[in-house]
Every structure is written in structure tokens, then in C-alpha cells.
Full PDB file with SEQRES, HELIX, SHEET, SSBOND, CRYST1, ORIGX, SCALE, CONECT and MASTER records, all heavy atoms in Angstrom:
SEQRES   1 A   42  MET ILE THR PHE VAL VAL THR MET LEU ILE LEU CYS PHE          
SEQRES   2 A   42  PRO GLU ILE ALA ILE LEU ALA THR ASN ARG PRO GLU TYR          
SEQRES   3 A   42  LEU SER ILE THR ASN TYR PHE SER ALA ILE LEU PHE GLY          
SEQRES   4 A   42  ILE SER LEU                                                  
HELIX    1 AA1 ILE A    2  LEU A   11  1                                  10    
HELIX    2 AA2 PHE A   13  THR A   21  1                                   9    
HELIX    3 AA3 ILE A   29  SER A   41  1                                  13    
CRYST1    1.000    1.000    1.000  90.00  90.00  90.00 P 1           1          
ORIGX1      1.000000  0.000000  0.000000        0.00000                         
ORIGX2      0.000000  1.000000  0.000000        0.00000                         
ORIGX3      0.000000  0.000000  1.000000        0.00000                         
SCALE1      1.000000  0.000000  0.000000        0.00000                         
SCALE2      0.000000  1.000000  0.000000        0.00000                         
SCALE3      0.000000  0.000000  1.000000        0.00000                         
ATOM      1  N   MET A   1       0.818  -1.200   0.000  1.00  0.00           N  
ATOM      2  CA  MET A   1       0.000   0.000   0.000  1.00  0.00           C  
ATOM      3  C   MET A   1       0.861   1.263   0.000  1.00  0.00           C  
ATOM      4  O   MET A   1       0.556   2.242  -0.674  1.00  0.00           O  
ATOM      5  CB  MET A   1      -0.926   0.012   1.222  1.00  0.00           C  
ATOM      6  CG  MET A   1      -1.986  -1.085   1.233  1.00  0.00           C  
ATOM      7  SD  MET A   1      -3.123  -0.996  -0.185  1.00  0.00           S  
ATOM      8  CE  MET A   1      -2.360  -2.165  -1.330  1.00  0.00           C  
ATOM      9  N   ILE A   2       1.950   1.225   0.744  1.00  0.00           N  
ATOM     10  CA  ILE A   2       2.872   2.370   0.769  1.00  0.00           C  
ATOM     11  C   ILE A   2       3.485   2.578  -0.616  1.00  0.00           C  
ATOM     12  O   ILE A   2       3.620   3.711  -1.085  1.00  0.00           O  
ATOM     13  CB  ILE A   2       3.970   2.155   1.830  1.00  0.00           C  
ATOM     14  CG1 ILE A   2       3.358   2.190   3.238  1.00  0.00           C  
ATOM     15  CG2 ILE A   2       5.057   3.212   1.700  1.00  0.00           C  
ATOM     16  CD1 ILE A   2       4.333   1.852   4.341  1.00  0.00           C  
ATOM     17  N   THR A   3       3.837   1.482  -1.285  1.00  0.00           N  
ATOM     18  CA  THR A   3       4.392   1.580  -2.639  1.00  0.00           C  
ATOM     19  C   THR A   3       3.408   2.245  -3.584  1.00  0.00           C  
ATOM     20  O   THR A   3       3.774   3.117  -4.384  1.00  0.00           O  
ATOM     21  CB  THR A   3       4.756   0.178  -3.166  1.00  0.00           C  
ATOM     22  OG1 THR A   3       5.755  -0.398  -2.331  1.00  0.00           O  
ATOM     23  CG2 THR A   3       5.268   0.254  -4.598  1.00  0.00           C  
ATOM     24  N   PHE A   4       2.132   1.841  -3.496  1.00  0.00           N  
ATOM     25  CA  PHE A   4       1.120   2.447  -4.360  1.00  0.00           C  
ATOM     26  C   PHE A   4       0.976   3.938  -4.070  1.00  0.00           C  
ATOM     27  O   PHE A   4       0.961   4.765  -5.001  1.00  0.00           O  
ATOM     28  CB  PHE A   4      -0.224   1.746  -4.157  1.00  0.00           C  
ATOM     29  CG  PHE A   4      -1.370   2.425  -4.855  1.00  0.00           C  
ATOM     30  CD1 PHE A   4      -1.557   2.277  -6.219  1.00  0.00           C  
ATOM     31  CD2 PHE A   4      -2.255   3.240  -4.154  1.00  0.00           C  
ATOM     32  CE1 PHE A   4      -2.604   2.911  -6.874  1.00  0.00           C  
ATOM     33  CE2 PHE A   4      -3.296   3.874  -4.787  1.00  0.00           C  
ATOM     34  CZ  PHE A   4      -3.476   3.718  -6.154  1.00  0.00           C  
ATOM     35  N   VAL A   5       0.873   4.304  -2.805  1.00  0.00           N  
ATOM     36  CA  VAL A   5       0.676   5.712  -2.441  1.00  0.00           C  
ATOM     37  C   VAL A   5       1.881   6.550  -2.876  1.00  0.00           C  
ATOM     38  O   VAL A   5       1.722   7.645  -3.440  1.00  0.00           O  
ATOM     39  CB  VAL A   5       0.430   5.856  -0.926  1.00  0.00           C  
ATOM     40  CG1 VAL A   5       0.427   7.327  -0.517  1.00  0.00           C  
ATOM     41  CG2 VAL A   5      -0.895   5.203  -0.543  1.00  0.00           C  
ATOM     42  N   VAL A   6       3.091   6.051  -2.634  1.00  0.00           N  
ATOM     43  CA  VAL A   6       4.296   6.795  -3.023  1.00  0.00           C  
ATOM     44  C   VAL A   6       4.357   6.953  -4.540  1.00  0.00           C  
ATOM     45  O   VAL A   6       4.699   8.024  -5.065  1.00  0.00           O  
ATOM     46  CB  VAL A   6       5.558   6.083  -2.495  1.00  0.00           C  
ATOM     47  CG1 VAL A   6       6.820   6.735  -3.060  1.00  0.00           C  
ATOM     48  CG2 VAL A   6       5.592   6.119  -0.975  1.00  0.00           C  
ATOM     49  N   THR A   7       4.008   5.889  -5.272  1.00  0.00           N  
ATOM     50  CA  THR A   7       3.995   5.970  -6.739  1.00  0.00           C  
ATOM     51  C   THR A   7       3.018   7.031  -7.221  1.00  0.00           C  
ATOM     52  O   THR A   7       3.328   7.836  -8.115  1.00  0.00           O  
ATOM     53  CB  THR A   7       3.624   4.607  -7.347  1.00  0.00           C  
ATOM     54  OG1 THR A   7       4.546   3.620  -6.899  1.00  0.00           O  
ATOM     55  CG2 THR A   7       3.657   4.670  -8.867  1.00  0.00           C  
ATOM     56  N   MET A   8       1.820   7.052  -6.621  1.00  0.00           N  
ATOM     57  CA  MET A   8       0.827   8.045  -7.022  1.00  0.00           C  
ATOM     58  C   MET A   8       1.280   9.458  -6.653  1.00  0.00           C  
ATOM     59  O   MET A   8       1.041  10.410  -7.408  1.00  0.00           O  
ATOM     60  CB  MET A   8      -0.515   7.739  -6.360  1.00  0.00           C  
ATOM     61  CG  MET A   8      -1.205   6.489  -6.896  1.00  0.00           C  
ATOM     62  SD  MET A   8      -1.550   6.592  -8.686  1.00  0.00           S  
ATOM     63  CE  MET A   8      -0.419   5.341  -9.323  1.00  0.00           C  
ATOM     64  N   LEU A   9       1.958   9.614  -5.529  1.00  0.00           N  
ATOM     65  CA  LEU A   9       2.473  10.937  -5.151  1.00  0.00           C  
ATOM     66  C   LEU A   9       3.528  11.410  -6.145  1.00  0.00           C  
ATOM     67  O   LEU A   9       3.582  12.594  -6.494  1.00  0.00           O  
ATOM     68  CB  LEU A   9       3.059  10.892  -3.739  1.00  0.00           C  
ATOM     69  CG  LEU A   9       2.058  10.776  -2.582  1.00  0.00           C  
ATOM     70  CD1 LEU A   9       2.786  10.594  -1.258  1.00  0.00           C  
ATOM     71  CD2 LEU A   9       1.147  12.004  -2.520  1.00  0.00           C  
ATOM     72  N   ILE A  10       4.349  10.466  -6.613  1.00  0.00           N  
ATOM     73  CA  ILE A  10       5.361  10.828  -7.619  1.00  0.00           C  
ATOM     74  C   ILE A  10       4.693  11.236  -8.924  1.00  0.00           C  
ATOM     75  O   ILE A  10       5.020  12.272  -9.521  1.00  0.00           O  
ATOM     76  CB  ILE A  10       6.324   9.644  -7.849  1.00  0.00           C  
ATOM     77  CG1 ILE A  10       7.157   9.389  -6.594  1.00  0.00           C  
ATOM     78  CG2 ILE A  10       7.230   9.918  -9.040  1.00  0.00           C  
ATOM     79  CD1 ILE A  10       7.990   8.129  -6.672  1.00  0.00           C  
ATOM     80  N   LEU A  11       3.751  10.423  -9.386  1.00  0.00           N  
ATOM     81  CA  LEU A  11       3.091  10.705 -10.660  1.00  0.00           C  
ATOM     82  C   LEU A  11       2.215  11.946 -10.591  1.00  0.00           C  
ATOM     83  O   LEU A  11       2.026  12.639 -11.605  1.00  0.00           O  
ATOM     84  CB  LEU A  11       2.254   9.495 -11.086  1.00  0.00           C  
ATOM     85  CG  LEU A  11       3.033   8.220 -11.442  1.00  0.00           C  
ATOM     86  CD1 LEU A  11       2.086   7.068 -11.710  1.00  0.00           C  
ATOM     87  CD2 LEU A  11       3.932   8.459 -12.657  1.00  0.00           C  
ATOM     88  N   CYS A  12       1.654  12.236  -9.414  1.00  0.00           N  
ATOM     89  CA  CYS A  12       0.758  13.386  -9.263  1.00  0.00           C  
ATOM     90  C   CYS A  12       1.477  14.615  -8.731  1.00  0.00           C  
ATOM     91  O   CYS A  12       0.814  15.590  -8.318  1.00  0.00           O  
ATOM     92  CB  CYS A  12      -0.402  13.034  -8.331  1.00  0.00           C  
ATOM     93  SG  CYS A  12      -1.501  11.761  -8.965  1.00  0.00           S  
ATOM     94  N   PHE A  13       2.800  14.603  -8.736  1.00  0.00           N  
ATOM     95  CA  PHE A  13       3.546  15.757  -8.217  1.00  0.00           C  
ATOM     96  C   PHE A  13       3.181  17.068  -8.931  1.00  0.00           C  
ATOM     97  O   PHE A  13       3.063  18.115  -8.272  1.00  0.00           O  
ATOM     98  CB  PHE A  13       5.043  15.503  -8.315  1.00  0.00           C  
ATOM     99  CG  PHE A  13       5.871  16.671  -7.860  1.00  0.00           C  
ATOM    100  CD1 PHE A  13       6.039  16.935  -6.504  1.00  0.00           C  
ATOM    101  CD2 PHE A  13       6.460  17.530  -8.790  1.00  0.00           C  
ATOM    102  CE1 PHE A  13       6.793  18.021  -6.079  1.00  0.00           C  
ATOM    103  CE2 PHE A  13       7.206  18.618  -8.380  1.00  0.00           C  
ATOM    104  CZ  PHE A  13       7.376  18.863  -7.020  1.00  0.00           C  
ATOM    105  N   PRO A  14       3.002  17.083 -10.276  1.00  0.00           N  
ATOM    106  CA  PRO A  14       2.617  18.349 -10.923  1.00  0.00           C  
ATOM    107  C   PRO A  14       1.315  18.922 -10.378  1.00  0.00           C  
ATOM    108  O   PRO A  14       1.218  20.133 -10.128  1.00  0.00           O  
ATOM    109  CB  PRO A  14       2.484  17.967 -12.405  1.00  0.00           C  
ATOM    110  CG  PRO A  14       3.370  16.778 -12.560  1.00  0.00           C  
ATOM    111  CD  PRO A  14       3.246  16.018 -11.280  1.00  0.00           C  
ATOM    112  N   GLU A  15       0.301  18.074 -10.180  1.00  0.00           N  
ATOM    113  CA  GLU A  15      -0.967  18.553  -9.646  1.00  0.00           C  
ATOM    114  C   GLU A  15      -0.809  19.044  -8.204  1.00  0.00           C  
ATOM    115  O   GLU A  15      -1.370  20.083  -7.827  1.00  0.00           O  
ATOM    116  CB  GLU A  15      -2.028  17.456  -9.697  1.00  0.00           C  
ATOM    117  CG  GLU A  15      -2.500  17.082 -11.086  1.00  0.00           C  
ATOM    118  CD  GLU A  15      -1.624  16.042 -11.734  1.00  0.00           C  
ATOM    119  OE1 GLU A  15      -0.492  15.802 -11.241  1.00  0.00           O  
ATOM    120  OE2 GLU A  15      -2.050  15.455 -12.755  1.00  0.00           O  
ATOM    121  N   ILE A  16      -0.039  18.300  -7.411  1.00  0.00           N  
ATOM    122  CA  ILE A  16       0.181  18.695  -6.016  1.00  0.00           C  
ATOM    123  C   ILE A  16       0.895  20.043  -5.957  1.00  0.00           C  
ATOM    124  O   ILE A  16       0.557  20.908  -5.140  1.00  0.00           O  
ATOM    125  CB  ILE A  16       0.986  17.606  -5.282  1.00  0.00           C  
ATOM    126  CG1 ILE A  16       0.158  16.316  -5.184  1.00  0.00           C  
ATOM    127  CG2 ILE A  16       1.410  18.074  -3.896  1.00  0.00           C  
ATOM    128  CD1 ILE A  16       0.930  15.135  -4.631  1.00  0.00           C  
ATOM    129  N   ALA A  17       1.865  20.226  -6.838  1.00  0.00           N  
ATOM    130  CA  ALA A  17       2.620  21.480  -6.848  1.00  0.00           C  
ATOM    131  C   ALA A  17       1.762  22.653  -7.287  1.00  0.00           C  
ATOM    132  O   ALA A  17       1.804  23.737  -6.682  1.00  0.00           O  
ATOM    133  CB  ALA A  17       3.844  21.338  -7.764  1.00  0.00           C  
ATOM    134  N   ILE A  18       0.953  22.463  -8.333  1.00  0.00           N  
ATOM    135  CA  ILE A  18       0.155  23.581  -8.833  1.00  0.00           C  
ATOM    136  C   ILE A  18      -0.997  23.911  -7.893  1.00  0.00           C  
ATOM    137  O   ILE A  18      -1.426  25.065  -7.795  1.00  0.00           O  
ATOM    138  CB  ILE A  18      -0.352  23.297 -10.268  1.00  0.00           C  
ATOM    139  CG1 ILE A  18      -0.738  24.601 -10.962  1.00  0.00           C  
ATOM    140  CG2 ILE A  18      -1.527  22.341 -10.257  1.00  0.00           C  
ATOM    141  CD1 ILE A  18      -0.997  24.450 -12.431  1.00  0.00           C  
ATOM    142  N   LEU A  19      -1.486  22.913  -7.152  1.00  0.00           N  
ATOM    143  CA  LEU A  19      -2.479  23.200  -6.112  1.00  0.00           C  
ATOM    144  C   LEU A  19      -1.872  24.070  -5.017  1.00  0.00           C  
ATOM    145  O   LEU A  19      -2.548  24.937  -4.445  1.00  0.00           O  
ATOM    146  CB  LEU A  19      -3.006  21.901  -5.507  1.00  0.00           C  
ATOM    147  CG  LEU A  19      -4.092  21.151  -6.284  1.00  0.00           C  
ATOM    148  CD1 LEU A  19      -4.315  19.769  -5.682  1.00  0.00           C  
ATOM    149  CD2 LEU A  19      -5.405  21.944  -6.297  1.00  0.00           C  
ATOM    150  N   ALA A  20      -0.593  23.860  -4.724  1.00  0.00           N  
ATOM    151  CA  ALA A  20       0.080  24.649  -3.686  1.00  0.00           C  
ATOM    152  C   ALA A  20       0.389  26.060  -4.165  1.00  0.00           C  
ATOM    153  O   ALA A  20       0.133  27.042  -3.451  1.00  0.00           O  
ATOM    154  CB  ALA A  20       1.360  23.948  -3.245  1.00  0.00           C  
ATOM    155  N   THR A  21       0.920  26.187  -5.376  1.00  0.00           N  
ATOM    156  CA  THR A  21       1.352  27.496  -5.867  1.00  0.00           C  
ATOM    157  C   THR A  21       0.188  28.391  -6.277  1.00  0.00           C  
ATOM    158  O   THR A  21       0.353  29.609  -6.349  1.00  0.00           O  
ATOM    159  CB  THR A  21       2.307  27.326  -7.056  1.00  0.00           C  
ATOM    160  OG1 THR A  21       1.670  26.524  -8.071  1.00  0.00           O  
ATOM    161  CG2 THR A  21       3.582  26.633  -6.623  1.00  0.00           C  
ATOM    162  N   ASN A  22      -0.973  27.801  -6.554  1.00  0.00           N  
ATOM    163  CA  ASN A  22      -2.122  28.597  -6.984  1.00  0.00           C  
ATOM    164  C   ASN A  22      -3.242  28.613  -5.947  1.00  0.00           C  
ATOM    165  O   ASN A  22      -4.373  28.973  -6.277  1.00  0.00           O  
ATOM    166  CB  ASN A  22      -2.664  28.069  -8.309  1.00  0.00           C  
ATOM    167  CG  ASN A  22      -1.732  28.351  -9.473  1.00  0.00           C  
ATOM    168  OD1 ASN A  22      -1.773  29.410 -10.087  1.00  0.00           O  
ATOM    169  ND2 ASN A  22      -0.853  27.397  -9.758  1.00  0.00           N  
ATOM    170  N   ARG A  23      -2.939  28.239  -4.725  1.00  0.00           N  
ATOM    171  CA  ARG A  23      -3.957  28.284  -3.669  1.00  0.00           C  
ATOM    172  C   ARG A  23      -4.300  29.742  -3.350  1.00  0.00           C  
ATOM    173  O   ARG A  23      -3.413  30.543  -3.076  1.00  0.00           O  
ATOM    174  CB  ARG A  23      -3.450  27.588  -2.409  1.00  0.00           C  
ATOM    175  CG  ARG A  23      -4.427  27.630  -1.231  1.00  0.00           C  
ATOM    176  CD  ARG A  23      -3.884  26.838  -0.061  1.00  0.00           C  
ATOM    177  NE  ARG A  23      -2.622  27.359   0.407  1.00  0.00           N  
ATOM    178  CZ  ARG A  23      -2.507  28.342   1.317  1.00  0.00           C  
ATOM    179  NH1 ARG A  23      -3.578  28.898   1.844  1.00  0.00           N  
ATOM    180  NH2 ARG A  23      -1.309  28.757   1.696  1.00  0.00           N  
ATOM    181  N   PRO A  24      -5.584  30.100  -3.424  1.00  0.00           N  
ATOM    182  CA  PRO A  24      -5.973  31.479  -3.069  1.00  0.00           C  
ATOM    183  C   PRO A  24      -5.533  31.821  -1.652  1.00  0.00           C  
ATOM    184  O   PRO A  24      -5.572  30.979  -0.752  1.00  0.00           O  
ATOM    185  CB  PRO A  24      -7.501  31.448  -3.195  1.00  0.00           C  
ATOM    186  CG  PRO A  24      -7.776  30.327  -4.136  1.00  0.00           C  
ATOM    187  CD  PRO A  24      -6.726  29.299  -3.873  1.00  0.00           C  
ATOM    188  N   GLU A  25      -5.114  33.057  -1.447  1.00  0.00           N  
ATOM    189  CA  GLU A  25      -4.528  33.455  -0.171  1.00  0.00           C  
ATOM    190  C   GLU A  25      -5.510  33.323   0.985  1.00  0.00           C  
ATOM    191  O   GLU A  25      -5.110  33.011   2.111  1.00  0.00           O  
ATOM    192  CB  GLU A  25      -4.021  34.903  -0.256  1.00  0.00           C  
ATOM    193  CG  GLU A  25      -2.855  35.072  -1.217  1.00  0.00           C  
ATOM    194  CD  GLU A  25      -2.360  36.501  -1.252  1.00  0.00           C  
ATOM    195  OE1 GLU A  25      -2.975  37.351  -0.556  1.00  0.00           O  
ATOM    196  OE2 GLU A  25      -1.370  36.767  -1.951  1.00  0.00           O  
ATOM    197  N   TYR A  26      -6.790  33.569   0.728  1.00  0.00           N  
ATOM    198  CA  TYR A  26      -7.740  33.557   1.839  1.00  0.00           C  
ATOM    199  C   TYR A  26      -8.250  32.151   2.174  1.00  0.00           C  
ATOM    200  O   TYR A  26      -9.038  31.985   3.097  1.00  0.00           O  
ATOM    201  CB  TYR A  26      -8.919  34.496   1.580  1.00  0.00           C  
ATOM    202  CG  TYR A  26      -9.772  34.148   0.372  1.00  0.00           C  
ATOM    203  CD1 TYR A  26     -10.805  33.226   0.472  1.00  0.00           C  
ATOM    204  CD2 TYR A  26      -9.560  34.765  -0.844  1.00  0.00           C  
ATOM    205  CE1 TYR A  26     -11.598  32.920  -0.612  1.00  0.00           C  
ATOM    206  CE2 TYR A  26     -10.347  34.479  -1.942  1.00  0.00           C  
ATOM    207  CZ  TYR A  26     -11.359  33.557  -1.821  1.00  0.00           C  
ATOM    208  OH  TYR A  26     -12.140  33.264  -2.904  1.00  0.00           O  
ATOM    209  N   LEU A  27      -7.796  31.133   1.424  1.00  0.00           N  
ATOM    210  CA  LEU A  27      -8.132  29.752   1.772  1.00  0.00           C  
ATOM    211  C   LEU A  27      -7.068  29.195   2.712  1.00  0.00           C  
ATOM    212  O   LEU A  27      -5.874  29.392   2.513  1.00  0.00           O  
ATOM    213  CB  LEU A  27      -8.216  28.881   0.525  1.00  0.00           C  
ATOM    214  CG  LEU A  27      -9.405  29.116  -0.413  1.00  0.00           C  
ATOM    215  CD1 LEU A  27      -9.399  28.070  -1.526  1.00  0.00           C  
ATOM    216  CD2 LEU A  27     -10.720  29.072   0.333  1.00  0.00           C  
ATOM    217  N   SER A  28      -7.504  28.484   3.707  1.00  0.00           N  
ATOM    218  CA  SER A  28      -6.598  27.929   4.699  1.00  0.00           C  
ATOM    219  C   SER A  28      -5.715  26.840   4.089  1.00  0.00           C  
ATOM    220  O   SER A  28      -6.092  26.170   3.125  1.00  0.00           O  
ATOM    221  CB  SER A  28      -7.397  27.360   5.879  1.00  0.00           C  
ATOM    222  OG  SER A  28      -6.560  26.610   6.741  1.00  0.00           O  
ATOM    223  N   ILE A  29      -4.516  26.693   4.677  1.00  0.00           N  
ATOM    224  CA  ILE A  29      -3.623  25.623   4.242  1.00  0.00           C  
ATOM    225  C   ILE A  29      -4.258  24.258   4.483  1.00  0.00           C  
ATOM    226  O   ILE A  29      -3.930  23.272   3.814  1.00  0.00           O  
ATOM    227  CB  ILE A  29      -2.272  25.727   5.002  1.00  0.00           C  
ATOM    228  CG1 ILE A  29      -1.241  24.760   4.412  1.00  0.00           C  
ATOM    229  CG2 ILE A  29      -2.475  25.447   6.488  1.00  0.00           C  
ATOM    230  CD1 ILE A  29      -0.783  25.094   3.030  1.00  0.00           C  
ATOM    231  N   THR A  30      -5.216  24.212   5.405  1.00  0.00           N  
ATOM    232  CA  THR A  30      -5.944  22.962   5.654  1.00  0.00           C  
ATOM    233  C   THR A  30      -6.683  22.500   4.409  1.00  0.00           C  
ATOM    234  O   THR A  30      -6.790  21.298   4.140  1.00  0.00           O  
ATOM    235  CB  THR A  30      -6.935  23.153   6.810  1.00  0.00           C  
ATOM    236  OG1 THR A  30      -6.243  23.627   7.959  1.00  0.00           O  
ATOM    237  CG2 THR A  30      -7.639  21.846   7.150  1.00  0.00           C  
ATOM    238  N   ASN A  31      -7.212  23.452   3.636  1.00  0.00           N  
ATOM    239  CA  ASN A  31      -7.916  23.100   2.409  1.00  0.00           C  
ATOM    240  C   ASN A  31      -6.972  22.433   1.409  1.00  0.00           C  
ATOM    241  O   ASN A  31      -7.371  21.518   0.679  1.00  0.00           O  
ATOM    242  CB  ASN A  31      -8.543  24.337   1.776  1.00  0.00           C  
ATOM    243  CG  ASN A  31      -9.612  24.960   2.644  1.00  0.00           C  
ATOM    244  OD1 ASN A  31      -9.569  26.154   2.941  1.00  0.00           O  
ATOM    245  ND2 ASN A  31     -10.591  24.172   3.081  1.00  0.00           N  
ATOM    246  N   TYR A  32      -5.719  22.881   1.388  1.00  0.00           N  
ATOM    247  CA  TYR A  32      -4.734  22.292   0.479  1.00  0.00           C  
ATOM    248  C   TYR A  32      -4.476  20.832   0.838  1.00  0.00           C  
ATOM    249  O   TYR A  32      -4.542  19.938  -0.025  1.00  0.00           O  
ATOM    250  CB  TYR A  32      -3.438  23.097   0.518  1.00  0.00           C  
ATOM    251  CG  TYR A  32      -2.283  22.427  -0.168  1.00  0.00           C  
ATOM    252  CD1 TYR A  32      -2.243  22.297  -1.561  1.00  0.00           C  
ATOM    253  CD2 TYR A  32      -1.216  21.900   0.564  1.00  0.00           C  
ATOM    254  CE1 TYR A  32      -1.183  21.672  -2.194  1.00  0.00           C  
ATOM    255  CE2 TYR A  32      -0.155  21.276  -0.063  1.00  0.00           C  
ATOM    256  CZ  TYR A  32      -0.139  21.162  -1.435  1.00  0.00           C  
ATOM    257  OH  TYR A  32       0.912  20.540  -2.063  1.00  0.00           O  
ATOM    258  N   PHE A  33      -4.188  20.583   2.115  1.00  0.00           N  
ATOM    259  CA  PHE A  33      -3.910  19.208   2.538  1.00  0.00           C  
ATOM    260  C   PHE A  33      -5.164  18.329   2.436  1.00  0.00           C  
ATOM    261  O   PHE A  33      -5.069  17.134   2.139  1.00  0.00           O  
ATOM    262  CB  PHE A  33      -3.360  19.189   3.957  1.00  0.00           C  
ATOM    263  CG  PHE A  33      -1.953  19.716   4.054  1.00  0.00           C  
ATOM    264  CD1 PHE A  33      -1.682  20.932   4.656  1.00  0.00           C  
ATOM    265  CD2 PHE A  33      -0.899  18.995   3.517  1.00  0.00           C  
ATOM    266  CE1 PHE A  33      -0.387  21.415   4.743  1.00  0.00           C  
ATOM    267  CE2 PHE A  33       0.405  19.476   3.591  1.00  0.00           C  
ATOM    268  CZ  PHE A  33       0.661  20.683   4.203  1.00  0.00           C  
ATOM    269  N   SER A  34      -6.333  18.929   2.643  1.00  0.00           N  
ATOM    270  CA  SER A  34      -7.577  18.166   2.480  1.00  0.00           C  
ATOM    271  C   SER A  34      -7.752  17.737   1.031  1.00  0.00           C  
ATOM    272  O   SER A  34      -8.195  16.616   0.748  1.00  0.00           O  
ATOM    273  CB  SER A  34      -8.773  19.007   2.932  1.00  0.00           C  
ATOM    274  OG  SER A  34      -8.689  19.317   4.305  1.00  0.00           O  
ATOM    275  N   ALA A  35      -7.414  18.646   0.093  1.00  0.00           N  
ATOM    276  CA  ALA A  35      -7.523  18.312  -1.325  1.00  0.00           C  
ATOM    277  C   ALA A  35      -6.569  17.179  -1.702  1.00  0.00           C  
ATOM    278  O   ALA A  35      -6.940  16.267  -2.462  1.00  0.00           O  
ATOM    279  CB  ALA A  35      -7.233  19.553  -2.171  1.00  0.00           C  
ATOM    280  N   ILE A  36      -5.344  17.207  -1.169  1.00  0.00           N  
ATOM    281  CA  ILE A  36      -4.366  16.155  -1.475  1.00  0.00           C  
ATOM    282  C   ILE A  36      -4.833  14.817  -0.905  1.00  0.00           C  
ATOM    283  O   ILE A  36      -4.801  13.785  -1.587  1.00  0.00           O  
ATOM    284  CB  ILE A  36      -2.980  16.521  -0.920  1.00  0.00           C  
ATOM    285  CG1 ILE A  36      -2.514  17.861  -1.488  1.00  0.00           C  
ATOM    286  CG2 ILE A  36      -1.981  15.417  -1.249  1.00  0.00           C  
ATOM    287  CD1 ILE A  36      -2.459  17.921  -2.992  1.00  0.00           C  
ATOM    288  N   LEU A  37      -5.260  14.819   0.350  1.00  0.00           N  
ATOM    289  CA  LEU A  37      -5.736  13.579   0.968  1.00  0.00           C  
ATOM    290  C   LEU A  37      -6.950  13.021   0.232  1.00  0.00           C  
ATOM    291  O   LEU A  37      -7.070  11.810   0.026  1.00  0.00           O  
ATOM    292  CB  LEU A  37      -6.077  13.821   2.436  1.00  0.00           C  
ATOM    293  CG  LEU A  37      -4.902  13.987   3.394  1.00  0.00           C  
ATOM    294  CD1 LEU A  37      -5.399  14.365   4.785  1.00  0.00           C  
ATOM    295  CD2 LEU A  37      -4.080  12.705   3.457  1.00  0.00           C  
ATOM    296  N   PHE A  38      -7.855  13.921  -0.162  1.00  0.00           N  
ATOM    297  CA  PHE A  38      -9.028  13.491  -0.915  1.00  0.00           C  
ATOM    298  C   PHE A  38      -8.616  12.853  -2.238  1.00  0.00           C  
ATOM    299  O   PHE A  38      -9.146  11.805  -2.631  1.00  0.00           O  
ATOM    300  CB  PHE A  38      -9.947  14.684  -1.156  1.00  0.00           C  
ATOM    301  CG  PHE A  38     -11.119  14.369  -2.038  1.00  0.00           C  
ATOM    302  CD1 PHE A  38     -12.194  13.644  -1.560  1.00  0.00           C  
ATOM    303  CD2 PHE A  38     -11.146  14.798  -3.364  1.00  0.00           C  
ATOM    304  CE1 PHE A  38     -13.277  13.342  -2.375  1.00  0.00           C  
ATOM    305  CE2 PHE A  38     -12.220  14.508  -4.176  1.00  0.00           C  
ATOM    306  CZ  PHE A  38     -13.284  13.779  -3.690  1.00  0.00           C  
ATOM    307  N   GLY A  39      -7.653  13.467  -2.930  1.00  0.00           N  
ATOM    308  CA  GLY A  39      -7.195  12.923  -4.202  1.00  0.00           C  
ATOM    309  C   GLY A  39      -6.563  11.549  -4.052  1.00  0.00           C  
ATOM    310  O   GLY A  39      -6.846  10.630  -4.829  1.00  0.00           O  
ATOM    311  N   ILE A  40      -5.714  11.380  -3.039  1.00  0.00           N  
ATOM    312  CA  ILE A  40      -5.071  10.077  -2.821  1.00  0.00           C  
ATOM    313  C   ILE A  40      -6.106   9.028  -2.437  1.00  0.00           C  
ATOM    314  O   ILE A  40      -6.036   7.874  -2.872  1.00  0.00           O  
ATOM    315  CB  ILE A  40      -3.992  10.198  -1.736  1.00  0.00           C  
ATOM    316  CG1 ILE A  40      -2.880  11.154  -2.197  1.00  0.00           C  
ATOM    317  CG2 ILE A  40      -3.417   8.834  -1.405  1.00  0.00           C  
ATOM    318  CD1 ILE A  40      -2.179  10.727  -3.465  1.00  0.00           C  
ATOM    319  N   SER A  41      -7.085   9.416  -1.629  1.00  0.00           N  
ATOM    320  CA  SER A  41      -8.132   8.461  -1.251  1.00  0.00           C  
ATOM    321  C   SER A  41      -8.946   8.039  -2.467  1.00  0.00           C  
ATOM    322  O   SER A  41      -9.352   6.873  -2.590  1.00  0.00           O  
ATOM    323  CB  SER A  41      -9.048   9.066  -0.187  1.00  0.00           C  
ATOM    324  OG  SER A  41      -9.836  10.131  -0.714  1.00  0.00           O  
ATOM    325  N   LEU A  42      -9.191   8.972  -3.383  1.00  0.00           N  
ATOM    326  CA  LEU A  42      -9.918   8.645  -4.616  1.00  0.00           C  
ATOM    327  C   LEU A  42      -9.121   7.654  -5.464  1.00  0.00           C  
ATOM    328  O   LEU A  42      -9.681   6.685  -6.003  1.00  0.00           O  
ATOM    329  CB  LEU A  42     -10.191   9.924  -5.409  1.00  0.00           C  
ATOM    330  CG  LEU A  42     -10.841   9.768  -6.792  1.00  0.00           C  
ATOM    331  CD1 LEU A  42     -12.181   9.059  -6.681  1.00  0.00           C  
ATOM    332  CD2 LEU A  42     -11.010  11.131  -7.450  1.00  0.00           C  
TER     333      LEU A  42                                                      
MASTER        0    0    0    3    0    0    0    6  332    1    0    4          
END                                                                             
């Protein structure tokens, strides 16, 4: 399971990075990590 999650994190690095760099300022950092966790769970 760790191998699968790490592989997906590697392959999804562009999306993870652009979600971080384009996060609106007034949205909490919690929303960013929630989006990443939601994506990995999906």
C-alpha cells in the first residue's frame, strides 16, 4: 500500500505542486492538505 501511495504521489507531483502554488490566499492551508488527501483516497 505504501508503494502504491508513493507511486501516485510521484506521478501526481505536478498537480500537487500547482495546487500549492495557486492556492488562493484567503483559503486555509488545511484546504490544500484536504484536497491532497481526498485525491489520494480517490
